[in-house]
Amino acid sequence: TEIKNKLTENAENESIKVFSKNLKPYIL
């Protein structure tokens, strides 16, 4: 459970970074 949670947390953070990087130039 701990490993899955840690992997998921890291993956979510990376996914949010990807989203943010894509969103700003799209809006601008």
PDB file of all heavy atoms in Angstrom:
ATOM      1  N   THR A   1       0.830  -1.211   0.000  1.00  0.00           N
ATOM      2  CA  THR A   1       0.000   0.000   0.000  1.00  0.00           C
ATOM      3  C   THR A   1       0.861   1.256   0.000  1.00  0.00           C
ATOM      4  O   THR A   1       0.603   2.212  -0.742  1.00  0.00           O
ATOM      5  CB  THR A   1      -0.932   0.002   1.224  1.00  0.00           C
ATOM      6  OG1 THR A   1      -1.752  -1.163   1.185  1.00  0.00           O
ATOM      7  CG2 THR A   1      -1.820   1.237   1.232  1.00  0.00           C
ATOM      8  N   GLU A   2       1.906   1.247   0.821  1.00  0.00           N
ATOM      9  CA  GLU A   2       2.790   2.413   0.919  1.00  0.00           C
ATOM     10  C   GLU A   2       3.488   2.690  -0.419  1.00  0.00           C
ATOM     11  O   GLU A   2       3.578   3.839  -0.856  1.00  0.00           O
ATOM     12  CB  GLU A   2       3.846   2.195   2.016  1.00  0.00           C
ATOM     13  CG  GLU A   2       3.299   2.389   3.417  1.00  0.00           C
ATOM     14  CD  GLU A   2       4.399   2.305   4.480  1.00  0.00           C
ATOM     15  OE1 GLU A   2       5.588   2.364   4.105  1.00  0.00           O
ATOM     16  OE2 GLU A   2       4.066   2.175   5.654  1.00  0.00           O
ATOM     17  N   ILE A   3       3.974   1.617  -1.040  1.00  0.00           N
ATOM     18  CA  ILE A   3       4.676   1.783  -2.325  1.00  0.00           C
ATOM     19  C   ILE A   3       3.724   2.295  -3.398  1.00  0.00           C
ATOM     20  O   ILE A   3       4.041   3.223  -4.147  1.00  0.00           O
ATOM     21  CB  ILE A   3       5.327   0.452  -2.762  1.00  0.00           C
ATOM     22  CG1 ILE A   3       6.508   0.129  -1.840  1.00  0.00           C
ATOM     23  CG2 ILE A   3       5.798   0.523  -4.215  1.00  0.00           C
ATOM     24  CD1 ILE A   3       7.138  -1.226  -2.098  1.00  0.00           C
ATOM     25  N   LYS A   4       2.530   1.697  -3.464  1.00  0.00           N
ATOM     26  CA  LYS A   4       1.541   2.142  -4.458  1.00  0.00           C
ATOM     27  C   LYS A   4       1.166   3.608  -4.231  1.00  0.00           C
ATOM     28  O   LYS A   4       1.047   4.389  -5.187  1.00  0.00           O
ATOM     29  CB  LYS A   4       0.288   1.266  -4.385  1.00  0.00           C
ATOM     30  CG  LYS A   4       0.423  -0.069  -5.101  1.00  0.00           C
ATOM     31  CD  LYS A   4      -0.937  -0.758  -5.141  1.00  0.00           C
ATOM     32  CE  LYS A   4      -0.897  -2.024  -5.986  1.00  0.00           C
ATOM     33  NZ  LYS A   4      -2.226  -2.657  -6.084  1.00  0.00           N
ATOM     34  N   ASN A   5       0.959   3.958  -2.968  1.00  0.00           N
ATOM     35  CA  ASN A   5       0.590   5.340  -2.647  1.00  0.00           C
ATOM     36  C   ASN A   5       1.707   6.320  -3.033  1.00  0.00           C
ATOM     37  O   ASN A   5       1.444   7.409  -3.561  1.00  0.00           O
ATOM     38  CB  ASN A   5       0.275   5.490  -1.158  1.00  0.00           C
ATOM     39  CG  ASN A   5      -1.055   4.845  -0.789  1.00  0.00           C
ATOM     40  OD1 ASN A   5      -1.873   4.547  -1.665  1.00  0.00           O
ATOM     41  ND2 ASN A   5      -1.281   4.617   0.493  1.00  0.00           N
ATOM     42  N   LYS A   6       2.950   5.916  -2.745  1.00  0.00           N
ATOM     43  CA  LYS A   6       4.083   6.787  -3.047  1.00  0.00           C
ATOM     44  C   LYS A   6       4.245   6.949  -4.556  1.00  0.00           C
ATOM     45  O   LYS A   6       4.457   8.060  -5.061  1.00  0.00           O
ATOM     46  CB  LYS A   6       5.371   6.201  -2.444  1.00  0.00           C
ATOM     47  CG  LYS A   6       6.586   7.112  -2.571  1.00  0.00           C
ATOM     48  CD  LYS A   6       6.397   8.384  -1.772  1.00  0.00           C
ATOM     49  CE  LYS A   6       7.630   9.286  -1.866  1.00  0.00           C
ATOM     50  NZ  LYS A   6       7.396  10.605  -1.233  1.00  0.00           N
ATOM     51  N   LEU A   7       4.133   5.824  -5.285  1.00  0.00           N
ATOM     52  CA  LEU A   7       4.232   5.881  -6.741  1.00  0.00           C
ATOM     53  C   LEU A   7       3.118   6.757  -7.329  1.00  0.00           C
ATOM     54  O   LEU A   7       3.357   7.558  -8.232  1.00  0.00           O
ATOM     55  CB  LEU A   7       4.142   4.469  -7.338  1.00  0.00           C
ATOM     56  CG  LEU A   7       5.363   3.562  -7.158  1.00  0.00           C
ATOM     57  CD1 LEU A   7       5.037   2.147  -7.628  1.00  0.00           C
ATOM     58  CD2 LEU A   7       6.570   4.098  -7.916  1.00  0.00           C
ATOM     59  N   THR A   8       1.906   6.579  -6.794  1.00  0.00           N
ATOM     60  CA  THR A   8       0.755   7.356  -7.284  1.00  0.00           C
ATOM     61  C   THR A   8       0.932   8.842  -6.992  1.00  0.00           C
ATOM     62  O   THR A   8       0.657   9.697  -7.840  1.00  0.00           O
ATOM     63  CB  THR A   8      -0.548   6.838  -6.656  1.00  0.00           C
ATOM     64  OG1 THR A   8      -0.737   5.475  -7.027  1.00  0.00           O
ATOM     65  CG2 THR A   8      -1.746   7.652  -7.115  1.00  0.00           C
ATOM     66  N   GLU A   9       1.396   9.152  -5.793  1.00  0.00           N
ATOM     67  CA  GLU A   9       1.611  10.551  -5.418  1.00  0.00           C
ATOM     68  C   GLU A   9       2.632  11.216  -6.346  1.00  0.00           C
ATOM     69  O   GLU A   9       2.421  12.331  -6.836  1.00  0.00           O
ATOM     70  CB  GLU A   9       2.098  10.636  -3.971  1.00  0.00           C
ATOM     71  CG  GLU A   9       2.250  12.073  -3.471  1.00  0.00           C
ATOM     72  CD  GLU A   9       2.798  12.154  -2.056  1.00  0.00           C
ATOM     73  OE1 GLU A   9       2.970  11.103  -1.408  1.00  0.00           O
ATOM     74  OE2 GLU A   9       3.080  13.277  -1.599  1.00  0.00           O
ATOM     75  N   ASN A  10       3.744  10.505  -6.594  1.00  0.00           N
ATOM     76  CA  ASN A  10       4.771  11.053  -7.490  1.00  0.00           C
ATOM     77  C   ASN A  10       4.228  11.209  -8.907  1.00  0.00           C
ATOM     78  O   ASN A  10       4.495  12.205  -9.587  1.00  0.00           O
ATOM     79  CB  ASN A  10       6.001  10.134  -7.507  1.00  0.00           C
ATOM     80  CG  ASN A  10       6.752  10.159  -6.183  1.00  0.00           C
ATOM     81  OD1 ASN A  10       6.593  11.090  -5.390  1.00  0.00           O
ATOM     82  ND2 ASN A  10       7.556   9.149  -5.927  1.00  0.00           N
ATOM     83  N   ALA A  11       3.442  10.202  -9.343  1.00  0.00           N
ATOM     84  CA  ALA A  11       2.866  10.254 -10.696  1.00  0.00           C
ATOM     85  C   ALA A  11       1.876  11.404 -10.824  1.00  0.00           C
ATOM     86  O   ALA A  11       1.831  12.095 -11.849  1.00  0.00           O
ATOM     87  CB  ALA A  11       2.181   8.926 -11.017  1.00  0.00           C
ATOM     88  N   GLU A  12       1.067  11.611  -9.789  1.00  0.00           N
ATOM     89  CA  GLU A  12       0.112  12.724  -9.802  1.00  0.00           C
ATOM     90  C   GLU A  12       0.826  14.066  -9.888  1.00  0.00           C
ATOM     91  O   GLU A  12       0.430  14.940 -10.651  1.00  0.00           O
ATOM     92  CB  GLU A  12      -0.756  12.678  -8.536  1.00  0.00           C
ATOM     93  CG  GLU A  12      -1.817  11.591  -8.547  1.00  0.00           C
ATOM     94  CD  GLU A  12      -2.716  11.661  -7.323  1.00  0.00           C
ATOM     95  OE1 GLU A  12      -2.339  12.349  -6.352  1.00  0.00           O
ATOM     96  OE2 GLU A  12      -3.783  11.039  -7.354  1.00  0.00           O
ATOM     97  N   ASN A  13       1.889  14.209  -9.087  1.00  0.00           N
ATOM     98  CA  ASN A  13       2.637  15.467  -9.094  1.00  0.00           C
ATOM     99  C   ASN A  13       3.240  15.745 -10.470  1.00  0.00           C
ATOM    100  O   ASN A  13       3.220  16.881 -10.954  1.00  0.00           O
ATOM    101  CB  ASN A  13       3.746  15.441  -8.032  1.00  0.00           C
ATOM    102  CG  ASN A  13       3.178  15.488  -6.621  1.00  0.00           C
ATOM    103  OD1 ASN A  13       2.062  15.936  -6.413  1.00  0.00           O
ATOM    104  ND2 ASN A  13       3.937  15.006  -5.652  1.00  0.00           N
ATOM    105  N   GLU A  14       3.770  14.686 -11.096  1.00  0.00           N
ATOM    106  CA  GLU A  14       4.349  14.845 -12.432  1.00  0.00           C
ATOM    107  C   GLU A  14       3.265  15.175 -13.458  1.00  0.00           C
ATOM    108  O   GLU A  14       3.464  15.991 -14.353  1.00  0.00           O
ATOM    109  CB  GLU A  14       5.097  13.575 -12.847  1.00  0.00           C
ATOM    110  CG  GLU A  14       6.452  13.405 -12.189  1.00  0.00           C
ATOM    111  CD  GLU A  14       7.389  14.569 -12.462  1.00  0.00           C
ATOM    112  OE1 GLU A  14       7.508  14.995 -13.629  1.00  0.00           O
ATOM    113  OE2 GLU A  14       7.978  15.098 -11.496  1.00  0.00           O
ATOM    114  N   SER A  15       2.117  14.497 -13.322  1.00  0.00           N
ATOM    115  CA  SER A  15       1.009  14.735 -14.246  1.00  0.00           C
ATOM    116  C   SER A  15       0.510  16.170 -14.128  1.00  0.00           C
ATOM    117  O   SER A  15       0.193  16.823 -15.133  1.00  0.00           O
ATOM    118  CB  SER A  15      -0.131  13.756 -13.966  1.00  0.00           C
ATOM    119  OG  SER A  15      -1.159  13.892 -14.916  1.00  0.00           O
ATOM    120  N   ILE A  16       0.433  16.677 -12.904  1.00  0.00           N
ATOM    121  CA  ILE A  16      -0.007  18.055 -12.680  1.00  0.00           C
ATOM    122  C   ILE A  16       0.997  19.038 -13.287  1.00  0.00           C
ATOM    123  O   ILE A  16       0.626  20.064 -13.867  1.00  0.00           O
ATOM    124  CB  ILE A  16      -0.208  18.323 -11.171  1.00  0.00           C
ATOM    125  CG1 ILE A  16      -1.453  17.571 -10.678  1.00  0.00           C
ATOM    126  CG2 ILE A  16      -0.348  19.811 -10.887  1.00  0.00           C
ATOM    127  CD1 ILE A  16      -1.637  17.575  -9.180  1.00  0.00           C
ATOM    128  N   LYS A  17       2.297  18.699 -13.185  1.00  0.00           N
ATOM    129  CA  LYS A  17       3.334  19.545 -13.801  1.00  0.00           C
ATOM    130  C   LYS A  17       3.146  19.600 -15.317  1.00  0.00           C
ATOM    131  O   LYS A  17       3.248  20.659 -15.935  1.00  0.00           O
ATOM    132  CB  LYS A  17       4.732  18.981 -13.480  1.00  0.00           C
ATOM    133  CG  LYS A  17       5.275  19.350 -12.121  1.00  0.00           C
ATOM    134  CD  LYS A  17       6.689  18.812 -11.978  1.00  0.00           C
ATOM    135  CE  LYS A  17       7.189  18.977 -10.549  1.00  0.00           C
ATOM    136  NZ  LYS A  17       8.523  18.360 -10.373  1.00  0.00           N
ATOM    137  N   VAL A  18       2.905  18.407 -15.907  1.00  0.00           N
ATOM    138  CA  VAL A  18       2.687  18.334 -17.360  1.00  0.00           C
ATOM    139  C   VAL A  18       1.485  19.185 -17.745  1.00  0.00           C
ATOM    140  O   VAL A  18       1.512  19.951 -18.715  1.00  0.00           O
ATOM    141  CB  VAL A  18       2.474  16.865 -17.811  1.00  0.00           C
ATOM    142  CG1 VAL A  18       1.967  16.807 -19.251  1.00  0.00           C
ATOM    143  CG2 VAL A  18       3.767  16.074 -17.685  1.00  0.00           C
ATOM    144  N   PHE A  19       0.418  19.066 -16.950  1.00  0.00           N
ATOM    145  CA  PHE A  19      -0.809  19.823 -17.204  1.00  0.00           C
ATOM    146  C   PHE A  19      -0.520  21.322 -17.159  1.00  0.00           C
ATOM    147  O   PHE A  19      -0.940  22.083 -18.043  1.00  0.00           O
ATOM    148  CB  PHE A  19      -1.842  19.461 -16.134  1.00  0.00           C
ATOM    149  CG  PHE A  19      -3.243  19.393 -16.653  1.00  0.00           C
ATOM    150  CD1 PHE A  19      -4.021  18.273 -16.454  1.00  0.00           C
ATOM    151  CD2 PHE A  19      -3.807  20.455 -17.320  1.00  0.00           C
ATOM    152  CE1 PHE A  19      -5.319  18.201 -16.922  1.00  0.00           C
ATOM    153  CE2 PHE A  19      -5.108  20.413 -17.794  1.00  0.00           C
ATOM    154  CZ  PHE A  19      -5.864  19.279 -17.592  1.00  0.00           C
ATOM    155  N   SER A  20       0.191  21.744 -16.119  1.00  0.00           N
ATOM    156  CA  SER A  20       0.495  23.169 -15.951  1.00  0.00           C
ATOM    157  C   SER A  20       1.342  23.700 -17.103  1.00  0.00           C
ATOM    158  O   SER A  20       1.101  24.791 -17.623  1.00  0.00           O
ATOM    159  CB  SER A  20       1.241  23.393 -14.627  1.00  0.00           C
ATOM    160  OG  SER A  20       0.449  22.995 -13.537  1.00  0.00           O
ATOM    161  N   LYS A  21       2.361  22.906 -17.495  1.00  0.00           N
ATOM    162  CA  LYS A  21       3.240  23.334 -18.588  1.00  0.00           C
ATOM    163  C   LYS A  21       2.473  23.462 -19.898  1.00  0.00           C
ATOM    164  O   LYS A  21       2.768  24.335 -20.714  1.00  0.00           O
ATOM    165  CB  LYS A  21       4.387  22.326 -18.753  1.00  0.00           C
ATOM    166  CG  LYS A  21       5.462  22.429 -17.681  1.00  0.00           C
ATOM    167  CD  LYS A  21       6.524  21.360 -17.885  1.00  0.00           C
ATOM    168  CE  LYS A  21       7.588  21.434 -16.801  1.00  0.00           C
ATOM    169  NZ  LYS A  21       8.578  20.329 -16.940  1.00  0.00           N
ATOM    170  N   ASN A  22       1.502  22.573 -20.108  1.00  0.00           N
ATOM    171  CA  ASN A  22       0.700  22.624 -21.329  1.00  0.00           C
ATOM    172  C   ASN A  22      -0.327  23.747 -21.304  1.00  0.00           C
ATOM    173  O   ASN A  22      -0.640  24.347 -22.333  1.00  0.00           O
ATOM    174  CB  ASN A  22      -0.041  21.299 -21.534  1.00  0.00           C
ATOM    175  CG  ASN A  22       0.855  20.214 -22.099  1.00  0.00           C
ATOM    176  OD1 ASN A  22       1.879  20.503 -22.691  1.00  0.00           O
ATOM    177  ND2 ASN A  22       0.474  18.976 -21.918  1.00  0.00           N
ATOM    178  N   LEU A  23      -0.868  24.008 -20.114  1.00  0.00           N
ATOM    179  CA  LEU A  23      -1.990  24.945 -20.002  1.00  0.00           C
ATOM    180  C   LEU A  23      -1.585  26.386 -20.283  1.00  0.00           C
ATOM    181  O   LEU A  23      -2.281  27.096 -21.024  1.00  0.00           O
ATOM    182  CB  LEU A  23      -2.609  24.841 -18.600  1.00  0.00           C
ATOM    183  CG  LEU A  23      -3.799  25.760 -18.322  1.00  0.00           C
ATOM    184  CD1 LEU A  23      -4.950  25.461 -19.272  1.00  0.00           C
ATOM    185  CD2 LEU A  23      -4.258  25.622 -16.873  1.00  0.00           C
ATOM    186  N   LYS A  24      -0.465  26.832 -19.716  1.00  0.00           N
ATOM    187  CA  LYS A  24      -0.111  28.246 -19.839  1.00  0.00           C
ATOM    188  C   LYS A  24       0.080  28.687 -21.289  1.00  0.00           C
ATOM    189  O   LYS A  24      -0.548  29.664 -21.722  1.00  0.00           O
ATOM    190  CB  LYS A  24       1.133  28.562 -19.006  1.00  0.00           C
ATOM    191  CG  LYS A  24       1.435  30.060 -18.977  1.00  0.00           C
ATOM    192  CD  LYS A  24       2.417  30.434 -17.896  1.00  0.00           C
ATOM    193  CE  LYS A  24       2.579  31.955 -17.830  1.00  0.00           C
ATOM    194  NZ  LYS A  24       3.484  32.370 -16.757  1.00  0.00           N
ATOM    195  N   PRO A  25       0.913  27.997 -22.092  1.00  0.00           N
ATOM    196  CA  PRO A  25       1.033  28.443 -23.492  1.00  0.00           C
ATOM    197  C   PRO A  25      -0.251  28.280 -24.285  1.00  0.00           C
ATOM    198  O   PRO A  25      -0.481  29.007 -25.257  1.00  0.00           O
ATOM    199  CB  PRO A  25       2.154  27.548 -24.057  1.00  0.00           C
ATOM    200  CG  PRO A  25       2.247  26.388 -23.127  1.00  0.00           C
ATOM    201  CD  PRO A  25       1.833  26.896 -21.787  1.00  0.00           C
ATOM    202  N   TYR A  26      -1.103  27.335 -23.883  1.00  0.00           N
ATOM    203  CA  TYR A  26      -2.384  27.154 -24.561  1.00  0.00           C
ATOM    204  C   TYR A  26      -3.272  28.369 -24.338  1.00  0.00           C
ATOM    205  O   TYR A  26      -3.908  28.893 -25.265  1.00  0.00           O
ATOM    206  CB  TYR A  26      -3.058  25.886 -24.038  1.00  0.00           C
ATOM    207  CG  TYR A  26      -4.368  25.542 -24.712  1.00  0.00           C
ATOM    208  CD1 TYR A  26      -4.460  25.463 -26.095  1.00  0.00           C
ATOM    209  CD2 TYR A  26      -5.517  25.290 -23.960  1.00  0.00           C
ATOM    210  CE1 TYR A  26      -5.657  25.140 -26.718  1.00  0.00           C
ATOM    211  CE2 TYR A  26      -6.714  24.958 -24.570  1.00  0.00           C
ATOM    212  CZ  TYR A  26      -6.775  24.890 -25.949  1.00  0.00           C
ATOM    213  OH  TYR A  26      -7.962  24.582 -26.564  1.00  0.00           O
ATOM    214  N   ILE A  27      -3.308  28.851 -23.083  1.00  0.00           N
ATOM    215  CA  ILE A  27      -4.103  30.037 -22.756  1.00  0.00           C
ATOM    216  C   ILE A  27      -3.504  31.288 -23.402  1.00  0.00           C
ATOM    217  O   ILE A  27      -4.217  32.191 -23.831  1.00  0.00           O
ATOM    218  CB  ILE A  27      -4.188  30.214 -21.226  1.00  0.00           C
ATOM    219  CG1 ILE A  27      -5.076  29.134 -20.630  1.00  0.00           C
ATOM    220  CG2 ILE A  27      -4.731  31.583 -20.850  1.00  0.00           C
ATOM    221  CD1 ILE A  27      -5.142  29.162 -19.129  1.00  0.00           C
ATOM    222  N   LEU A  28      -2.170  31.318 -23.474  1.00  0.00           N
ATOM    223  CA  LEU A  28      -1.488  32.513 -23.971  1.00  0.00           C
ATOM    224  C   LEU A  28      -1.232  32.484 -25.480  1.00  0.00           C
ATOM    225  O   LEU A  28      -0.321  33.150 -25.966  1.00  0.00           O
ATOM    226  CB  LEU A  28      -0.156  32.705 -23.229  1.00  0.00           C
ATOM    227  CG  LEU A  28      -0.271  33.067 -21.751  1.00  0.00           C
ATOM    228  CD1 LEU A  28       1.105  33.198 -21.127  1.00  0.00           C
ATOM    229  CD2 LEU A  28      -1.057  34.349 -21.545  1.00  0.00           C
TER     230      LEU A  28
END
